[in-house]
Amino acid sequence: QINKPQKNTLLHDVIEYIISNFFNVVYFNNNFDVYSIDDVAILEENGVIELFDEYEIEYISLEDYLSNNNNDYFLYGYEYLREVLELKLLPILKEEVFNLLFNDRELMKEFNILISQDLDEKVKRCRTWPKWLERALFCREKGLCALCKKDLTQLLHTKHKPAIDHIVPIAKKGVNDPTNLQMLCNKCNESKSNIEIVTSNSTPLYW
Protein backbone atom coordinates (compact mmCIF):
# COMPACT_ATOMS: atom_id res chain seq x y z
CA GLN A 1 0.00 0.00 0.00
CA ILE A 2 2.78 2.45 0.78
CA ASN A 3 4.67 1.60 -2.42
CA LYS A 4 1.83 1.29 -4.91
CA PRO A 5 -1.74 2.70 -4.79
CA GLN A 6 -4.35 0.12 -3.82
CA LYS A 7 -8.13 0.51 -3.71
CA ASN A 8 -8.02 -0.89 -0.19
CA THR A 9 -6.06 1.96 1.35
CA LEU A 10 -4.26 2.38 4.66
CA LEU A 11 -7.30 4.30 5.85
CA HIS A 12 -9.55 1.34 5.01
CA ASP A 13 -7.38 -0.84 7.26
CA VAL A 14 -7.60 1.63 10.15
CA ILE A 15 -11.37 2.01 9.76
CA GLU A 16 -11.87 -1.76 9.70
CA TYR A 17 -9.74 -2.17 12.82
CA ILE A 18 -11.63 0.51 14.76
CA ILE A 19 -15.10 -0.67 13.75
CA SER A 20 -14.26 -4.30 14.46
CA ASN A 21 -12.88 -3.44 17.91
CA PHE A 22 -15.93 -1.30 18.68
CA PHE A 23 -18.33 -4.14 17.94
CA ASN A 24 -16.20 -6.64 19.85
CA VAL A 25 -16.25 -4.47 22.98
CA VAL A 26 -19.87 -3.32 22.80
CA TYR A 27 -21.72 -6.30 21.33
CA PHE A 28 -19.49 -9.35 21.67
CA ASN A 29 -18.49 -9.29 25.32
CA ASN A 30 -17.11 -12.66 26.41
CA ASN A 31 -18.61 -12.20 29.87
CA PHE A 32 -22.03 -13.05 28.45
CA ASP A 33 -23.92 -15.48 30.70
CA VAL A 34 -26.45 -17.73 28.94
CA TYR A 35 -28.10 -18.41 32.29
CA SER A 36 -28.75 -14.74 33.00
CA ILE A 37 -32.17 -13.44 31.99
CA ASP A 38 -30.72 -9.95 31.60
CA ASP A 39 -27.96 -11.12 29.28
CA VAL A 40 -30.38 -13.09 27.12
CA ALA A 41 -32.59 -10.02 26.86
CA ILE A 42 -29.58 -7.96 25.78
CA LEU A 43 -28.74 -10.55 23.13
CA GLU A 44 -32.30 -10.53 21.80
CA GLU A 45 -32.13 -6.74 21.46
CA ASN A 46 -28.61 -6.73 20.03
CA GLY A 47 -27.85 -3.48 18.21
CA VAL A 48 -26.03 -5.44 15.52
CA ILE A 49 -29.35 -6.99 14.51
CA GLU A 50 -30.86 -3.51 14.21
CA LEU A 51 -28.04 -2.61 11.83
CA PHE A 52 -28.64 -5.77 9.80
CA ASP A 53 -32.27 -4.70 9.41
CA GLU A 54 -31.33 -1.12 8.56
CA TYR A 55 -28.93 -2.22 5.83
CA GLU A 56 -31.27 -5.00 4.66
CA ILE A 57 -28.73 -7.73 5.36
CA GLU A 58 -30.13 -11.25 5.42
CA TYR A 59 -29.54 -13.24 8.60
CA ILE A 60 -31.13 -16.08 10.57
CA SER A 61 -33.38 -14.92 13.39
CA LEU A 62 -32.57 -15.89 16.96
CA GLU A 63 -35.67 -18.08 17.20
CA ASP A 64 -34.88 -20.01 14.00
CA TYR A 65 -31.22 -20.39 14.92
CA LEU A 66 -31.97 -21.76 18.40
CA SER A 67 -34.43 -24.31 17.04
CA ASN A 68 -31.69 -25.77 14.82
CA ASN A 69 -28.74 -25.44 17.21
CA ASN A 70 -29.86 -26.87 20.55
CA ASN A 71 -30.79 -23.48 22.02
CA ASP A 72 -27.16 -22.36 21.87
CA TYR A 73 -27.42 -18.63 22.67
CA PHE A 74 -23.66 -18.24 22.88
CA LEU A 75 -23.05 -19.69 19.42
CA TYR A 76 -25.64 -17.33 17.95
CA GLY A 77 -24.45 -14.21 19.76
CA TYR A 78 -20.71 -14.65 19.48
CA GLU A 79 -20.10 -16.69 16.40
CA TYR A 80 -23.00 -16.42 14.00
CA LEU A 81 -23.75 -12.71 14.44
CA ARG A 82 -20.07 -11.85 14.34
CA GLU A 83 -19.61 -13.83 11.13
CA VAL A 84 -22.51 -12.01 9.44
CA LEU A 85 -21.13 -8.71 10.70
CA GLU A 86 -17.62 -9.32 9.36
CA LEU A 87 -18.69 -10.77 6.01
CA LYS A 88 -21.66 -8.56 5.14
CA LEU A 89 -21.94 -5.42 7.30
CA LEU A 90 -18.33 -4.45 7.96
CA PRO A 91 -17.44 -3.98 4.25
CA ILE A 92 -20.41 -1.61 3.86
CA LEU A 93 -19.58 0.44 6.96
CA LYS A 94 -15.93 0.58 5.97
CA GLU A 95 -16.74 2.11 2.57
CA GLU A 96 -19.25 4.57 4.05
CA VAL A 97 -16.75 5.88 6.60
CA PHE A 98 -13.95 6.00 4.05
CA ASN A 99 -16.04 8.05 1.61
CA LEU A 100 -16.75 10.60 4.34
CA LEU A 101 -13.17 10.89 5.57
CA PHE A 102 -11.42 10.78 2.19
CA ASN A 103 -13.16 14.01 1.18
CA ASP A 104 -11.37 15.85 4.00
CA ARG A 105 -7.91 16.62 2.61
CA GLU A 106 -6.75 18.29 5.83
CA LEU A 107 -7.61 15.12 7.71
CA MET A 108 -5.76 13.08 5.08
CA LYS A 109 -2.75 15.31 5.64
CA GLU A 110 -2.77 14.67 9.40
CA PHE A 111 -3.34 10.95 8.84
CA ASN A 112 -0.34 10.71 6.52
CA ILE A 113 1.86 12.71 8.84
CA LEU A 114 1.18 9.98 11.41
CA ILE A 115 1.97 7.32 8.81
CA SER A 116 5.26 9.02 7.92
CA GLN A 117 6.30 9.09 11.57
CA ASP A 118 6.05 5.29 11.69
CA LEU A 119 8.27 4.69 8.64
CA ASP A 120 11.96 3.97 9.05
CA GLU A 121 12.91 4.99 5.53
CA LYS A 122 11.51 6.74 2.48
CA VAL A 123 9.58 4.85 -0.19
CA LYS A 124 10.20 5.14 -3.92
CA ARG A 125 8.07 7.65 -5.77
CA CYS A 126 5.38 6.09 -7.93
CA ARG A 127 5.85 7.36 -11.49
CA THR A 128 2.62 6.17 -13.07
CA TRP A 129 -0.89 6.20 -11.66
CA PRO A 130 -3.83 3.88 -12.36
CA LYS A 131 -6.77 5.41 -14.21
CA TRP A 132 -9.21 4.65 -11.37
CA LEU A 133 -7.07 6.72 -9.01
CA GLU A 134 -6.78 9.67 -11.40
CA ARG A 135 -10.54 9.65 -11.85
CA ALA A 136 -11.19 9.41 -8.10
CA LEU A 137 -8.93 12.37 -7.30
CA PHE A 138 -10.41 14.40 -10.16
CA CYS A 139 -13.93 13.80 -8.81
CA ARG A 140 -12.98 14.52 -5.20
CA GLU A 141 -11.37 17.80 -6.26
CA LYS A 142 -14.44 18.52 -8.43
CA GLY A 143 -12.22 19.06 -11.44
CA LEU A 144 -10.33 21.89 -9.73
CA CYS A 145 -6.80 22.32 -8.41
CA ALA A 146 -6.89 21.41 -4.71
CA LEU A 147 -4.89 24.56 -3.87
CA CYS A 148 -5.65 27.41 -6.27
CA LYS A 149 -9.00 26.11 -7.60
CA LYS A 150 -8.07 26.54 -11.26
CA ASP A 151 -10.25 24.54 -13.66
CA LEU A 152 -8.57 21.26 -14.60
CA THR A 153 -11.30 19.92 -16.87
CA GLN A 154 -9.68 21.37 -20.04
CA LEU A 155 -13.11 21.45 -21.62
CA LEU A 156 -12.80 25.03 -22.86
CA HIS A 157 -9.04 25.55 -22.75
CA THR A 158 -5.72 23.69 -22.89
CA LYS A 159 -4.11 25.34 -19.86
CA HIS A 160 -3.81 24.09 -16.29
CA LYS A 161 -2.94 20.47 -16.92
CA PRO A 162 -3.70 18.23 -13.90
CA ALA A 163 -0.89 16.66 -11.89
CA ILE A 164 -1.01 14.20 -9.00
CA ASP A 165 0.84 15.44 -5.93
CA HIS A 166 1.89 13.85 -2.64
CA ILE A 167 0.35 15.78 0.27
CA VAL A 168 3.18 14.60 2.52
CA PRO A 169 6.15 14.61 0.13
CA ILE A 170 8.23 11.50 -0.48
CA ALA A 171 11.19 13.45 0.92
CA LYS A 172 9.27 13.71 4.22
CA LYS A 173 8.52 9.96 4.18
CA GLY A 174 5.20 10.34 2.45
CA VAL A 175 3.68 7.26 0.83
CA ASN A 176 2.01 6.38 -2.48
CA ASP A 177 -1.27 5.48 -0.80
CA PRO A 178 -4.33 7.24 -2.34
CA THR A 179 -4.99 9.00 0.98
CA ASN A 180 -1.72 10.90 0.55
CA LEU A 181 -2.49 12.16 -2.95
CA GLN A 182 -4.23 15.21 -4.33
CA MET A 183 -4.75 16.71 -7.78
CA LEU A 184 -3.12 20.07 -8.51
CA CYS A 185 -2.65 22.23 -11.57
CA ASN A 186 0.80 21.90 -13.10
CA LYS A 187 1.77 25.37 -11.84
CA CYS A 188 0.96 24.62 -8.18
CA ASN A 189 2.60 21.22 -8.45
CA GLU A 190 5.82 22.67 -9.85
CA SER A 191 5.97 25.52 -7.32
CA LYS A 192 5.39 23.24 -4.30
CA SER A 193 8.73 22.21 -2.83
CA ASN A 194 9.58 18.61 -2.03
CA ILE A 195 9.47 19.30 1.71
CA GLU A 196 6.22 21.30 1.95
CA ILE A 197 3.18 19.59 3.46
CA VAL A 198 0.38 21.60 1.91
CA THR A 199 -3.26 20.99 1.09
CA SER A 200 -6.58 22.80 1.42
CA ASN A 201 -10.19 22.04 2.24
CA SER A 202 -11.53 25.12 0.48
CA THR A 203 -14.37 24.41 -1.94
CA PRO A 204 -15.94 26.50 -4.70
CA LEU A 205 -19.07 28.51 -3.92
CA TYR A 206 -22.30 27.45 -5.57
CA TRP A 207 -23.26 31.10 -6.26
Foldseek 3Di string as FASTA:
>chain_A
DQAAADPCFPLLVVLLVVVLVVCCVPQVDPVQDPPDPVSVVCQLVPVLVVVCVVVVNDDDHLVRVCVVPVNPSNCVRHPRSSVSCVPPVSVVVSVVVCVVQLLDLVSLLVVQLVVQVPDPAFHDDDDDHDPVLVVVQCVSQVQAAQPPGHHQPCPPHDAFDKDKDFLQASVSRGGNYSSRIHIHGPVVRVPDDRHHNDGDSDDDDPD
